[in-house]
Structure formats: structure tokens, C-alpha cells
């Protein structure tokens, strides 16, 4: 195994690791999710300041130590939310990163997840139906993970119209999905179904999972 790696990643999140350091969760389709330590990142004078924001697309240099992976350097290639204009857009985007980070295992690559995240962010910025775009991403991601069964062939306690909805979301682009209109009751039923699928994967229902 190589001791060092330089590659492009998406930042799925970060949290305080010690008095001075941060734990950063990086992802790309080749290496999967990698948990790295950014030493000194909590200092305002750190070289990492401004580069560890969630959903930044970055180039990172990693050192694989005997116990931990160390982030030695990072540069931001694209920051999608530096101009914090729309709270709803940012909120849903952060939810996309957080739920992805919780569901994806370390070193688990998922085919074409990077372009899916990028497409979801793009549509969150432009769509008036941001909750629907968020929901579509979650369904598409769960489908990539193999969590959503073939609803047409599997016995599920789900009405035909919802089976049709999930199948449509899995197969269609965001531009087509945006044309969907749902009632409040339909949204609640879909949220309940997605919540059960997510809970099965991570062991609890995330409080941020909303439609």
C-alpha cells in the first residue's frame, strides 16, 4: 500500500478530533470514504482554514500512517456555498453530505456517486422544489447502495402509486423529477418509507431527514 496519495475528493463533513485537530471525511469514487486527521486545523491560523467546508471539491494530499491517515495539504477546487444566499439550499445540501457520510462505510467506493452529488447540488441551487431534489438524491443514493429492492418484484406494503414514484425517481434525471407534484399525505408516506430504509442502514432515524 502506498504511504502517500494525492487525489481529488468531496468533503462529506468534519468534526473536532482533539484540542487542536479535526477529523475530516473525504470521498471519491475510486477510493471510497477516507477518514483523515487534519492536524492543527482548529487554529484560526491553520493552513487548512477555509478549505474543510462540507461539500468542497478539493485536491488533498494524504499520508497513511501506522494508525491514522493524515491530511498533509489541501486546496479547494470548487466551493459551492461560499456565497451563503439561500438557507434552504445550504440546509438541504448539508443534509445530503451528512446522510451520505453516515451511510457510506470507510473505503467503500460507490460507482458514479460523485457526479450524482454534483448534479444534486446543481439542481438544489436552481430548483424551487428543493425538498424534492433532496429526496430524489437520497433515493438515488440508496439505490446505488442496493438498499432499495426491486419494488415491482418484491412483496412490499406499498401502494402502486408509490412503487411507481420510487421507480421513476431511480431512473429519471432531476430535470424530469422536478415536474412531479405531490400532496402533503403523499410526501409524508414517501418520507416514512425513505426513513425506514435509512434507519435500517444506520440503526436510527436521522432527525434531519425531512421532505
N, C-alpha and C. Protein backbone atom coordinates (compact mmCIF):
# COMPACT_ATOMS: atom_id res chain seq x y z
N UNK A 1 0.84 -1.21 0.00
CA UNK A 1 0.00 0.00 0.00
C UNK A 1 0.87 1.26 0.00
N UNK A 2 0.48 2.25 -0.80
CA UNK A 2 1.24 3.48 -0.86
C UNK A 2 1.17 4.24 0.46
N UNK A 3 2.28 4.91 0.79
CA UNK A 3 2.33 5.71 2.01
C UNK A 3 1.67 7.07 1.82
N UNK A 4 1.65 7.55 0.58
CA UNK A 4 1.07 8.87 0.30
C UNK A 4 0.11 8.78 -0.88
N UNK A 5 -0.80 9.74 -0.94
CA UNK A 5 -1.78 9.81 -2.02
C UNK A 5 -2.18 11.26 -2.25
N UNK A 6 -2.20 11.67 -3.49
CA UNK A 6 -2.74 12.98 -3.88
C UNK A 6 -3.87 12.74 -4.86
N UNK A 7 -5.05 13.22 -4.53
CA UNK A 7 -6.20 12.97 -5.39
C UNK A 7 -7.29 14.01 -5.12
N UNK A 8 -8.31 14.00 -5.96
CA UNK A 8 -9.44 14.91 -5.81
C UNK A 8 -10.53 14.22 -5.00
N UNK A 9 -11.15 14.97 -4.09
CA UNK A 9 -12.17 14.43 -3.21
C UNK A 9 -13.31 15.42 -3.02
N UNK A 10 -14.42 14.91 -2.49
CA UNK A 10 -15.51 15.73 -1.96
C UNK A 10 -15.42 15.63 -0.44
N UNK A 11 -15.61 16.74 0.24
CA UNK A 11 -15.63 16.71 1.70
C UNK A 11 -17.07 16.45 2.16
N UNK A 12 -17.28 15.32 2.83
CA UNK A 12 -18.61 14.96 3.31
C UNK A 12 -18.90 15.50 4.70
N UNK A 13 -17.87 15.99 5.37
CA UNK A 13 -18.08 16.55 6.71
C UNK A 13 -16.80 16.56 7.51
N UNK A 14 -16.88 17.15 8.69
CA UNK A 14 -15.73 17.17 9.59
C UNK A 14 -16.22 17.40 11.01
N UNK A 15 -15.40 17.06 11.97
CA UNK A 15 -15.74 17.31 13.37
C UNK A 15 -14.46 17.47 14.17
N UNK A 16 -14.57 18.10 15.33
CA UNK A 16 -13.40 18.27 16.19
C UNK A 16 -12.89 16.92 16.67
N UNK A 17 -11.58 16.74 16.61
CA UNK A 17 -10.97 15.46 16.97
C UNK A 17 -10.22 15.56 18.29
N UNK A 18 -9.60 16.68 18.52
CA UNK A 18 -8.87 16.92 19.77
C UNK A 18 -8.86 18.42 20.00
N UNK A 19 -8.04 18.85 20.91
CA UNK A 19 -7.97 20.28 21.23
C UNK A 19 -7.52 21.10 20.04
N UNK A 20 -6.71 20.49 19.17
CA UNK A 20 -6.14 21.24 18.05
C UNK A 20 -6.53 20.70 16.68
N UNK A 21 -6.97 19.44 16.60
CA UNK A 21 -7.14 18.78 15.30
C UNK A 21 -8.60 18.60 14.91
N UNK A 22 -8.81 18.27 13.64
CA UNK A 22 -10.13 17.94 13.14
C UNK A 22 -10.09 16.60 12.41
N UNK A 23 -11.22 15.91 12.46
CA UNK A 23 -11.42 14.68 11.71
C UNK A 23 -12.22 15.05 10.47
N UNK A 24 -11.70 14.71 9.30
CA UNK A 24 -12.33 15.11 8.04
C UNK A 24 -12.70 13.86 7.25
N UNK A 25 -13.90 13.88 6.66
CA UNK A 25 -14.38 12.74 5.89
C UNK A 25 -14.36 13.08 4.40
N UNK A 26 -13.46 12.42 3.67
CA UNK A 26 -13.28 12.66 2.25
C UNK A 26 -13.89 11.51 1.45
N UNK A 27 -14.33 11.82 0.23
CA UNK A 27 -14.87 10.76 -0.62
C UNK A 27 -14.52 11.00 -2.08
N UNK A 28 -14.15 9.90 -2.78
CA UNK A 28 -14.18 9.90 -4.23
C UNK A 28 -14.53 8.49 -4.70
N UNK A 29 -14.90 8.38 -5.97
CA UNK A 29 -15.43 7.12 -6.48
C UNK A 29 -14.39 6.02 -6.59
N UNK A 30 -13.12 6.39 -6.58
CA UNK A 30 -12.06 5.37 -6.69
C UNK A 30 -11.70 4.78 -5.34
N UNK A 31 -11.55 5.62 -4.33
CA UNK A 31 -11.06 5.16 -3.02
C UNK A 31 -12.16 5.02 -1.98
N UNK A 32 -13.35 5.53 -2.28
CA UNK A 32 -14.42 5.48 -1.29
C UNK A 32 -14.24 6.56 -0.24
N UNK A 33 -14.81 6.32 0.93
CA UNK A 33 -14.71 7.30 2.02
C UNK A 33 -13.42 7.07 2.81
N UNK A 34 -12.69 8.15 3.03
CA UNK A 34 -11.46 8.08 3.81
C UNK A 34 -11.56 9.06 4.97
N UNK A 35 -11.30 8.56 6.16
CA UNK A 35 -11.32 9.39 7.37
C UNK A 35 -9.90 9.86 7.65
N UNK A 36 -9.70 11.18 7.66
CA UNK A 36 -8.34 11.71 7.82
C UNK A 36 -8.28 12.70 8.98
N UNK A 37 -7.09 12.87 9.53
CA UNK A 37 -6.87 13.83 10.60
C UNK A 37 -6.14 15.05 10.04
N UNK A 38 -6.73 16.22 10.26
CA UNK A 38 -6.10 17.47 9.87
C UNK A 38 -5.50 18.10 11.12
N UNK A 39 -4.19 17.93 11.28
CA UNK A 39 -3.53 18.39 12.49
C UNK A 39 -3.45 19.92 12.53
N UNK A 40 -3.86 20.48 13.67
CA UNK A 40 -3.82 21.93 13.86
C UNK A 40 -4.93 22.67 13.16
N UNK A 41 -5.91 21.94 12.62
CA UNK A 41 -6.96 22.57 11.81
C UNK A 41 -7.89 23.47 12.62
N UNK A 42 -7.93 23.30 13.93
CA UNK A 42 -8.82 24.12 14.75
C UNK A 42 -8.25 25.51 15.04
N UNK A 43 -7.01 25.71 14.69
CA UNK A 43 -6.38 27.02 14.87
C UNK A 43 -6.81 27.96 13.75
N UNK A 44 -7.08 29.22 14.09
CA UNK A 44 -7.51 30.19 13.08
C UNK A 44 -6.40 30.51 12.09
N UNK A 45 -5.16 30.20 12.47
CA UNK A 45 -4.03 30.46 11.58
C UNK A 45 -3.63 29.21 10.79
N UNK A 46 -4.44 28.16 10.90
CA UNK A 46 -4.12 26.89 10.23
C UNK A 46 -4.15 27.05 8.71
N UNK A 47 -3.29 26.32 8.03
CA UNK A 47 -3.28 26.32 6.56
C UNK A 47 -4.54 25.68 5.99
N UNK A 48 -5.27 24.96 6.86
CA UNK A 48 -6.50 24.31 6.41
C UNK A 48 -7.72 25.23 6.47
N UNK A 49 -7.59 26.38 7.10
CA UNK A 49 -8.72 27.29 7.29
C UNK A 49 -9.37 27.65 5.94
N UNK A 50 -10.68 27.43 5.85
CA UNK A 50 -11.43 27.75 4.64
C UNK A 50 -11.47 26.64 3.61
N UNK A 51 -10.68 25.58 3.83
CA UNK A 51 -10.61 24.50 2.85
C UNK A 51 -11.37 23.24 3.27
N UNK A 52 -11.87 23.22 4.50
CA UNK A 52 -12.50 22.00 5.02
C UNK A 52 -14.02 22.08 5.07
N UNK A 53 -14.60 23.03 4.35
CA UNK A 53 -16.05 23.18 4.38
C UNK A 53 -16.74 22.00 3.71
N UNK A 54 -17.84 21.59 4.31
CA UNK A 54 -18.62 20.47 3.77
C UNK A 54 -19.03 20.71 2.33
N UNK A 55 -18.84 19.69 1.50
CA UNK A 55 -19.15 19.67 0.06
C UNK A 55 -18.18 20.49 -0.78
N UNK A 56 -17.05 20.92 -0.19
CA UNK A 56 -15.99 21.47 -1.03
C UNK A 56 -15.44 20.35 -1.91
N UNK A 57 -15.17 20.68 -3.16
CA UNK A 57 -14.44 19.77 -4.03
C UNK A 57 -12.98 20.20 -3.95
N UNK A 58 -12.09 19.28 -3.61
CA UNK A 58 -10.74 19.67 -3.27
C UNK A 58 -9.71 18.69 -3.83
N UNK A 59 -8.45 19.13 -3.79
CA UNK A 59 -7.31 18.25 -4.04
C UNK A 59 -6.60 18.09 -2.71
N UNK A 60 -6.46 16.85 -2.25
CA UNK A 60 -5.89 16.59 -0.93
C UNK A 60 -4.67 15.69 -1.02
N UNK A 61 -3.69 15.99 -0.18
CA UNK A 61 -2.51 15.14 -0.04
C UNK A 61 -2.63 14.37 1.27
N UNK A 62 -2.52 13.05 1.20
CA UNK A 62 -2.71 12.20 2.37
C UNK A 62 -1.46 11.40 2.67
N UNK A 63 -1.22 11.19 3.96
CA UNK A 63 -0.14 10.30 4.41
C UNK A 63 -0.77 9.18 5.22
N UNK A 64 -0.51 7.94 4.83
CA UNK A 64 -1.07 6.78 5.51
C UNK A 64 -0.10 6.30 6.59
N UNK A 65 -0.37 6.72 7.83
CA UNK A 65 0.47 6.34 8.94
C UNK A 65 0.11 4.96 9.46
N UNK A 66 0.81 4.49 10.48
CA UNK A 66 0.54 3.16 11.03
C UNK A 66 -0.85 3.03 11.68
N UNK A 67 -1.38 4.15 12.19
CA UNK A 67 -2.68 4.11 12.86
C UNK A 67 -3.73 4.97 12.18
N UNK A 68 -3.33 6.12 11.68
CA UNK A 68 -4.28 7.07 11.11
C UNK A 68 -3.81 7.59 9.76
N UNK A 69 -4.77 8.11 8.99
CA UNK A 69 -4.45 8.80 7.74
C UNK A 69 -4.37 10.29 8.05
N UNK A 70 -3.28 10.92 7.67
CA UNK A 70 -3.04 12.33 7.99
C UNK A 70 -3.21 13.18 6.74
N UNK A 71 -3.97 14.26 6.87
CA UNK A 71 -4.12 15.23 5.79
C UNK A 71 -2.93 16.19 5.87
N UNK A 72 -2.04 16.10 4.89
CA UNK A 72 -0.84 16.94 4.94
C UNK A 72 -1.02 18.26 4.21
N UNK A 73 -1.90 18.29 3.20
CA UNK A 73 -2.15 19.54 2.47
C UNK A 73 -3.47 19.42 1.73
N UNK A 74 -4.10 20.57 1.46
CA UNK A 74 -5.38 20.57 0.74
C UNK A 74 -5.57 21.90 0.04
N UNK A 75 -6.19 21.86 -1.13
CA UNK A 75 -6.55 23.09 -1.84
C UNK A 75 -7.97 22.92 -2.36
N UNK A 76 -8.72 24.00 -2.34
CA UNK A 76 -10.12 23.97 -2.78
C UNK A 76 -10.21 24.18 -4.27
N UNK A 77 -10.81 23.22 -4.96
CA UNK A 77 -11.04 23.34 -6.40
C UNK A 77 -12.37 24.03 -6.69
N UNK A 78 -13.38 23.74 -5.87
CA UNK A 78 -14.70 24.33 -6.06
C UNK A 78 -15.43 24.39 -4.73
N UNK A 79 -15.87 25.58 -4.35
CA UNK A 79 -16.69 25.75 -3.15
C UNK A 79 -18.06 26.20 -3.59
N UNK A 80 -19.07 25.34 -3.39
CA UNK A 80 -20.40 25.61 -3.93
C UNK A 80 -21.21 26.59 -3.09
N UNK A 81 -20.85 26.75 -1.83
CA UNK A 81 -21.71 27.54 -0.96
C UNK A 81 -20.95 28.63 -0.20
N UNK A 82 -19.92 29.17 -0.85
CA UNK A 82 -19.17 30.26 -0.24
C UNK A 82 -20.06 31.50 -0.12
N UNK A 83 -20.91 31.71 -1.14
CA UNK A 83 -21.88 32.80 -1.09
C UNK A 83 -23.16 32.27 -0.48
N UNK A 84 -23.31 32.44 0.80
CA UNK A 84 -24.42 31.83 1.54
C UNK A 84 -25.69 32.66 1.39
N UNK A 85 -26.33 32.53 0.23
CA UNK A 85 -27.50 33.35 -0.06
C UNK A 85 -28.82 32.68 0.33
N UNK A 86 -28.94 31.38 0.11
CA UNK A 86 -30.21 30.70 0.32
C UNK A 86 -30.06 29.65 1.42
N UNK A 87 -30.70 29.90 2.55
CA UNK A 87 -30.58 28.97 3.68
C UNK A 87 -31.13 27.60 3.34
N UNK A 88 -32.26 27.54 2.61
CA UNK A 88 -32.87 26.27 2.27
C UNK A 88 -31.95 25.41 1.40
N UNK A 89 -31.29 26.05 0.43
CA UNK A 89 -30.35 25.33 -0.43
C UNK A 89 -29.21 24.75 0.38
N UNK A 90 -28.61 25.58 1.23
CA UNK A 90 -27.48 25.15 2.05
C UNK A 90 -27.89 24.05 3.01
N UNK A 91 -29.07 24.20 3.62
CA UNK A 91 -29.56 23.22 4.58
C UNK A 91 -29.73 21.85 3.94
N UNK A 92 -30.36 21.80 2.78
CA UNK A 92 -30.57 20.53 2.08
C UNK A 92 -29.24 19.94 1.59
N UNK A 93 -28.32 20.80 1.16
CA UNK A 93 -27.02 20.32 0.69
C UNK A 93 -26.24 19.69 1.84
N UNK A 94 -26.27 20.33 3.00
CA UNK A 94 -25.58 19.78 4.17
C UNK A 94 -26.20 18.45 4.58
N UNK A 95 -27.52 18.34 4.46
CA UNK A 95 -28.20 17.07 4.76
C UNK A 95 -27.74 15.97 3.80
N UNK A 96 -27.55 16.33 2.53
CA UNK A 96 -27.05 15.36 1.55
C UNK A 96 -25.69 14.84 1.99
N UNK A 97 -24.81 15.75 2.38
CA UNK A 97 -23.47 15.34 2.81
C UNK A 97 -23.52 14.51 4.08
N UNK A 98 -24.33 14.94 5.04
CA UNK A 98 -24.37 14.26 6.34
C UNK A 98 -24.94 12.85 6.23
N UNK A 99 -26.03 12.71 5.52
CA UNK A 99 -26.64 11.38 5.42
C UNK A 99 -25.76 10.45 4.58
N UNK A 100 -25.09 10.99 3.56
CA UNK A 100 -24.15 10.19 2.77
C UNK A 100 -23.00 9.73 3.65
N UNK A 101 -22.48 10.63 4.44
CA UNK A 101 -21.35 10.30 5.31
C UNK A 101 -21.71 9.21 6.32
N UNK A 102 -22.94 9.25 6.83
CA UNK A 102 -23.36 8.27 7.83
C UNK A 102 -23.61 6.89 7.23
N UNK A 103 -24.08 6.88 5.99
CA UNK A 103 -24.46 5.61 5.38
C UNK A 103 -23.26 4.90 4.73
N UNK A 104 -22.36 5.69 4.12
CA UNK A 104 -21.23 5.09 3.40
C UNK A 104 -20.18 4.59 4.38
N UNK A 105 -19.75 3.36 4.19
CA UNK A 105 -18.68 2.80 5.03
C UNK A 105 -17.32 3.32 4.57
N UNK A 106 -16.34 3.23 5.46
CA UNK A 106 -14.98 3.62 5.09
C UNK A 106 -14.47 2.72 3.97
N UNK A 107 -13.75 3.33 3.03
CA UNK A 107 -13.15 2.62 1.90
C UNK A 107 -14.19 1.94 1.01
N UNK A 108 -15.42 2.45 1.04
CA UNK A 108 -16.49 1.88 0.21
C UNK A 108 -16.74 2.78 -1.00
N UNK A 109 -16.20 2.41 -2.16
CA UNK A 109 -16.47 3.21 -3.37
C UNK A 109 -17.85 2.90 -3.93
N UNK A 110 -18.53 3.92 -4.39
CA UNK A 110 -19.86 3.75 -4.99
C UNK A 110 -19.81 4.32 -6.40
N UNK A 111 -20.13 3.51 -7.36
CA UNK A 111 -19.99 3.91 -8.76
C UNK A 111 -20.82 5.15 -9.08
N UNK A 112 -20.13 6.16 -9.61
CA UNK A 112 -20.76 7.40 -10.08
C UNK A 112 -21.50 8.17 -8.99
N UNK A 113 -21.05 8.05 -7.74
CA UNK A 113 -21.67 8.86 -6.68
C UNK A 113 -21.24 10.31 -6.78
N UNK A 114 -19.99 10.55 -7.14
CA UNK A 114 -19.50 11.94 -7.27
C UNK A 114 -20.35 12.75 -8.24
N UNK A 115 -20.58 12.28 -9.48
CA UNK A 115 -21.42 13.08 -10.38
C UNK A 115 -22.86 13.21 -9.89
N UNK A 116 -23.34 12.22 -9.13
CA UNK A 116 -24.70 12.32 -8.58
C UNK A 116 -24.77 13.44 -7.55
N UNK A 117 -23.77 13.54 -6.69
CA UNK A 117 -23.73 14.62 -5.70
C UNK A 117 -23.66 15.97 -6.40
N UNK A 118 -22.81 16.06 -7.40
CA UNK A 118 -22.65 17.32 -8.15
C UNK A 118 -23.96 17.73 -8.82
N UNK A 119 -24.65 16.75 -9.41
CA UNK A 119 -25.92 17.03 -10.08
C UNK A 119 -26.99 17.45 -9.08
N UNK A 120 -26.99 16.82 -7.92
CA UNK A 120 -27.96 17.17 -6.88
C UNK A 120 -27.73 18.60 -6.38
N UNK A 121 -26.49 18.97 -6.17
CA UNK A 121 -26.17 20.34 -5.73
C UNK A 121 -26.59 21.36 -6.78
N UNK A 122 -26.30 21.05 -8.03
CA UNK A 122 -26.66 21.95 -9.14
C UNK A 122 -28.16 22.20 -9.16
N UNK A 123 -28.94 21.14 -8.99
CA UNK A 123 -30.39 21.28 -9.03
C UNK A 123 -30.95 21.91 -7.76
N UNK A 124 -30.31 21.71 -6.64
CA UNK A 124 -30.73 22.40 -5.41
C UNK A 124 -30.63 23.91 -5.57
N UNK A 125 -29.61 24.35 -6.29
CA UNK A 125 -29.39 25.78 -6.47
C UNK A 125 -30.45 26.43 -7.35
N UNK A 126 -30.98 25.67 -8.30
CA UNK A 126 -31.88 26.27 -9.29
C UNK A 126 -33.35 25.90 -9.10
N UNK A 127 -33.61 24.79 -8.44
CA UNK A 127 -35.00 24.31 -8.32
C UNK A 127 -35.78 25.02 -7.23
N UNK A 128 -37.08 25.18 -7.47
CA UNK A 128 -37.97 25.69 -6.43
C UNK A 128 -38.43 24.56 -5.51
N UNK A 129 -38.25 23.33 -5.95
CA UNK A 129 -38.67 22.16 -5.17
C UNK A 129 -37.45 21.50 -4.53
N UNK A 130 -36.83 22.22 -3.61
CA UNK A 130 -35.57 21.77 -3.04
C UNK A 130 -35.73 20.49 -2.22
N UNK A 131 -36.83 20.37 -1.51
CA UNK A 131 -37.08 19.15 -0.73
C UNK A 131 -37.22 17.94 -1.64
N UNK A 132 -37.84 18.13 -2.80
CA UNK A 132 -38.00 17.04 -3.75
C UNK A 132 -36.64 16.65 -4.34
N UNK A 133 -35.79 17.64 -4.61
CA UNK A 133 -34.45 17.36 -5.13
C UNK A 133 -33.63 16.58 -4.10
N UNK A 134 -33.76 16.98 -2.84
CA UNK A 134 -33.07 16.27 -1.75
C UNK A 134 -33.57 14.83 -1.66
N UNK A 135 -34.87 14.66 -1.68
CA UNK A 135 -35.48 13.33 -1.61
C UNK A 135 -35.03 12.46 -2.78
N UNK A 136 -34.98 13.06 -3.97
CA UNK A 136 -34.54 12.32 -5.16
C UNK A 136 -33.11 11.84 -4.99
N UNK A 137 -32.25 12.70 -4.45
CA UNK A 137 -30.85 12.29 -4.23
C UNK A 137 -30.78 11.10 -3.28
N UNK A 138 -31.51 11.17 -2.17
CA UNK A 138 -31.47 10.09 -1.18
C UNK A 138 -31.91 8.77 -1.81
N UNK A 139 -32.99 8.81 -2.59
CA UNK A 139 -33.48 7.59 -3.24
C UNK A 139 -32.44 7.05 -4.23
N UNK A 140 -31.86 7.95 -5.02
CA UNK A 140 -30.86 7.52 -6.00
C UNK A 140 -29.62 6.95 -5.31
N UNK A 141 -29.20 7.56 -4.21
CA UNK A 141 -28.03 7.06 -3.48
C UNK A 141 -28.32 5.69 -2.87
N UNK A 142 -29.49 5.55 -2.23
CA UNK A 142 -29.87 4.27 -1.63
C UNK A 142 -29.96 3.19 -2.70
N UNK A 143 -30.41 3.58 -3.88
CA UNK A 143 -30.49 2.62 -4.98
C UNK A 143 -29.10 2.15 -5.40
N UNK A 144 -28.13 3.09 -5.44
CA UNK A 144 -26.75 2.73 -5.78
C UNK A 144 -26.16 1.77 -4.75
N UNK A 145 -26.60 1.93 -3.50
CA UNK A 145 -26.10 1.06 -2.43
C UNK A 145 -26.80 -0.30 -2.41
N UNK A 146 -27.83 -0.43 -3.24
CA UNK A 146 -28.57 -1.68 -3.28
C UNK A 146 -29.56 -1.83 -2.14
N UNK A 147 -29.89 -0.71 -1.49
CA UNK A 147 -30.79 -0.73 -0.34
C UNK A 147 -32.25 -0.83 -0.78
N UNK A 148 -32.58 -0.20 -1.90
CA UNK A 148 -33.96 -0.22 -2.38
C UNK A 148 -34.17 -1.46 -3.24
N UNK A 149 -35.07 -2.34 -2.85
CA UNK A 149 -35.31 -3.57 -3.63
C UNK A 149 -36.06 -3.24 -4.92
N UNK A 150 -36.16 -4.21 -5.77
CA UNK A 150 -36.99 -4.07 -6.96
C UNK A 150 -38.45 -4.11 -6.50
N UNK A 151 -39.05 -2.95 -6.38
CA UNK A 151 -40.38 -2.86 -5.77
C UNK A 151 -41.47 -3.53 -6.61
N UNK A 152 -41.20 -3.71 -7.89
CA UNK A 152 -42.19 -4.36 -8.74
C UNK A 152 -42.21 -5.87 -8.53
N UNK A 153 -41.08 -6.42 -8.06
CA UNK A 153 -40.97 -7.86 -7.91
C UNK A 153 -40.99 -8.31 -6.46
N UNK A 154 -40.71 -7.37 -5.54
CA UNK A 154 -40.65 -7.72 -4.13
C UNK A 154 -41.98 -7.40 -3.46
N UNK A 155 -42.40 -8.26 -2.55
CA UNK A 155 -43.64 -8.03 -1.82
C UNK A 155 -43.40 -6.95 -0.77
N UNK A 156 -43.99 -5.78 -0.98
CA UNK A 156 -43.86 -4.67 -0.03
C UNK A 156 -45.25 -4.10 0.23
N UNK A 157 -45.43 -3.58 1.44
CA UNK A 157 -46.71 -2.98 1.79
C UNK A 157 -46.73 -1.52 1.34
N UNK A 158 -46.65 -1.33 0.04
CA UNK A 158 -46.57 0.00 -0.54
C UNK A 158 -47.54 0.06 -1.71
N UNK A 159 -48.37 1.11 -1.70
CA UNK A 159 -49.35 1.26 -2.76
C UNK A 159 -48.67 1.40 -4.13
N UNK A 160 -49.39 1.03 -5.18
CA UNK A 160 -48.82 1.02 -6.52
C UNK A 160 -48.28 2.38 -6.94
N UNK A 161 -48.97 3.45 -6.54
CA UNK A 161 -48.53 4.78 -6.97
C UNK A 161 -47.17 5.14 -6.36
N UNK A 162 -46.88 4.62 -5.15
CA UNK A 162 -45.59 4.90 -4.53
C UNK A 162 -44.50 4.03 -5.13
N UNK A 163 -44.83 2.82 -5.51
CA UNK A 163 -43.89 1.97 -6.22
C UNK A 163 -43.50 2.65 -7.54
N UNK A 164 -44.51 3.21 -8.21
CA UNK A 164 -44.28 3.93 -9.45
C UNK A 164 -43.40 5.16 -9.20
N UNK A 165 -43.64 5.86 -8.08
CA UNK A 165 -42.86 7.05 -7.73
C UNK A 165 -41.38 6.68 -7.52
N UNK A 166 -41.12 5.67 -6.71
CA UNK A 166 -39.74 5.28 -6.41
C UNK A 166 -39.02 4.82 -7.69
N UNK A 167 -39.72 4.07 -8.52
CA UNK A 167 -39.13 3.60 -9.78
C UNK A 167 -38.79 4.77 -10.69
N UNK A 168 -39.69 5.74 -10.75
CA UNK A 168 -39.48 6.94 -11.57
C UNK A 168 -38.25 7.71 -11.08
N UNK A 169 -38.16 7.91 -9.76
CA UNK A 169 -37.04 8.66 -9.18
C UNK A 169 -35.72 7.97 -9.46
N UNK A 170 -35.69 6.65 -9.32
CA UNK A 170 -34.45 5.90 -9.54
C UNK A 170 -33.95 6.05 -10.97
N UNK A 171 -34.88 6.11 -11.93
CA UNK A 171 -34.50 6.03 -13.33
C UNK A 171 -34.39 7.36 -14.07
N UNK A 172 -35.06 8.40 -13.57
CA UNK A 172 -35.15 9.64 -14.32
C UNK A 172 -34.18 10.71 -13.82
N UNK A 173 -33.80 11.66 -14.70
CA UNK A 173 -32.93 12.76 -14.28
C UNK A 173 -33.68 13.77 -13.42
N UNK A 174 -32.93 14.60 -12.72
CA UNK A 174 -33.53 15.58 -11.82
C UNK A 174 -34.47 16.53 -12.57
N UNK A 175 -34.16 16.84 -13.81
CA UNK A 175 -35.00 17.77 -14.59
C UNK A 175 -36.40 17.22 -14.79
N UNK A 176 -36.52 15.90 -14.93
CA UNK A 176 -37.83 15.27 -15.07
C UNK A 176 -38.52 15.14 -13.72
N UNK A 177 -37.74 14.86 -12.69
CA UNK A 177 -38.29 14.69 -11.35
C UNK A 177 -38.93 15.97 -10.84
N UNK A 178 -38.35 17.10 -11.24
CA UNK A 178 -38.86 18.40 -10.77
C UNK A 178 -40.30 18.65 -11.19
N UNK A 179 -40.76 17.97 -12.22
CA UNK A 179 -42.12 18.18 -12.72
C UNK A 179 -43.18 17.50 -11.85
N UNK A 180 -42.74 16.67 -10.92
CA UNK A 180 -43.68 15.93 -10.06
C UNK A 180 -44.35 16.87 -9.06
N UNK A 181 -45.63 16.67 -8.83
CA UNK A 181 -46.37 17.38 -7.79
C UNK A 181 -46.95 16.35 -6.82
N UNK A 182 -46.78 16.60 -5.52
CA UNK A 182 -47.24 15.66 -4.50
C UNK A 182 -48.12 16.35 -3.48
N UNK A 183 -49.07 15.61 -2.94
CA UNK A 183 -49.89 16.13 -1.86
C UNK A 183 -49.13 15.99 -0.55
N UNK A 184 -49.62 16.62 0.49
CA UNK A 184 -48.99 16.52 1.81
C UNK A 184 -48.98 15.07 2.30
N UNK A 185 -50.07 14.37 2.09
CA UNK A 185 -50.16 12.97 2.52
C UNK A 185 -49.17 12.09 1.77
N UNK A 186 -49.01 12.36 0.48
CA UNK A 186 -48.06 11.58 -0.33
C UNK A 186 -46.63 11.84 0.13
N UNK A 187 -46.33 13.10 0.44
CA UNK A 187 -44.99 13.43 0.94
C UNK A 187 -44.69 12.69 2.24
N UNK A 188 -45.67 12.66 3.14
CA UNK A 188 -45.49 12.00 4.43
C UNK A 188 -45.28 10.50 4.26
N UNK A 189 -46.00 9.89 3.33
CA UNK A 189 -45.86 8.44 3.09
C UNK A 189 -44.49 8.13 2.50
N UNK A 190 -44.03 8.97 1.59
CA UNK A 190 -42.72 8.77 0.97
C UNK A 190 -41.61 8.97 2.01
N UNK A 191 -41.77 10.01 2.83
CA UNK A 191 -40.78 10.27 3.89
C UNK A 191 -40.71 9.08 4.85
N UNK A 192 -41.85 8.53 5.19
CA UNK A 192 -41.90 7.39 6.10
C UNK A 192 -41.15 6.18 5.51
N UNK A 193 -41.35 5.95 4.23
CA UNK A 193 -40.70 4.82 3.56
C UNK A 193 -39.19 5.01 3.48
N UNK A 194 -38.77 6.21 3.08
CA UNK A 194 -37.34 6.50 3.00
C UNK A 194 -36.70 6.42 4.38
N UNK A 195 -37.39 6.97 5.37
CA UNK A 195 -36.88 6.94 6.74
C UNK A 195 -36.63 5.52 7.23
N UNK A 196 -37.56 4.61 6.89
CA UNK A 196 -37.41 3.21 7.30
C UNK A 196 -36.20 2.57 6.63
N UNK A 197 -35.96 2.92 5.37
CA UNK A 197 -34.81 2.38 4.64
C UNK A 197 -33.50 2.90 5.24
N UNK A 198 -33.47 4.19 5.54
CA UNK A 198 -32.26 4.78 6.13
C UNK A 198 -32.01 4.23 7.53
N UNK A 199 -33.08 4.13 8.31
CA UNK A 199 -32.96 3.62 9.68
C UNK A 199 -32.41 2.19 9.67
N UNK A 200 -32.81 1.41 8.70
CA UNK A 200 -32.34 0.03 8.59
C UNK A 200 -30.82 0.00 8.36
N UNK A 201 -30.31 1.02 7.66
CA UNK A 201 -28.89 1.05 7.32
C UNK A 201 -28.03 1.58 8.47
N UNK A 202 -28.48 2.62 9.17
CA UNK A 202 -27.62 3.24 10.19
C UNK A 202 -28.11 3.03 11.62
N UNK A 203 -29.27 2.37 11.77
CA UNK A 203 -29.71 1.99 13.11
C UNK A 203 -30.61 2.98 13.81
N UNK A 204 -30.84 4.15 13.21
CA UNK A 204 -31.74 5.12 13.82
C UNK A 204 -32.25 6.07 12.75
N UNK A 205 -33.33 6.77 13.08
CA UNK A 205 -33.93 7.72 12.16
C UNK A 205 -33.27 9.09 12.34
N UNK A 206 -32.56 9.60 11.31
CA UNK A 206 -31.92 10.91 11.44
C UNK A 206 -32.96 12.01 11.63
N UNK A 207 -32.70 12.91 12.56
CA UNK A 207 -33.65 14.00 12.83
C UNK A 207 -33.72 14.97 11.67
N UNK A 208 -32.68 15.01 10.83
CA UNK A 208 -32.65 15.96 9.73
C UNK A 208 -33.33 15.45 8.46
N UNK A 209 -33.79 14.19 8.50
CA UNK A 209 -34.45 13.62 7.33
C UNK A 209 -35.87 14.17 7.23
N UNK A 210 -36.07 15.09 6.31
CA UNK A 210 -37.38 15.71 6.16
C UNK A 210 -37.66 15.91 4.68
N UNK A 211 -38.93 16.09 4.37
CA UNK A 211 -39.34 16.30 2.98
C UNK A 211 -39.73 17.76 2.85
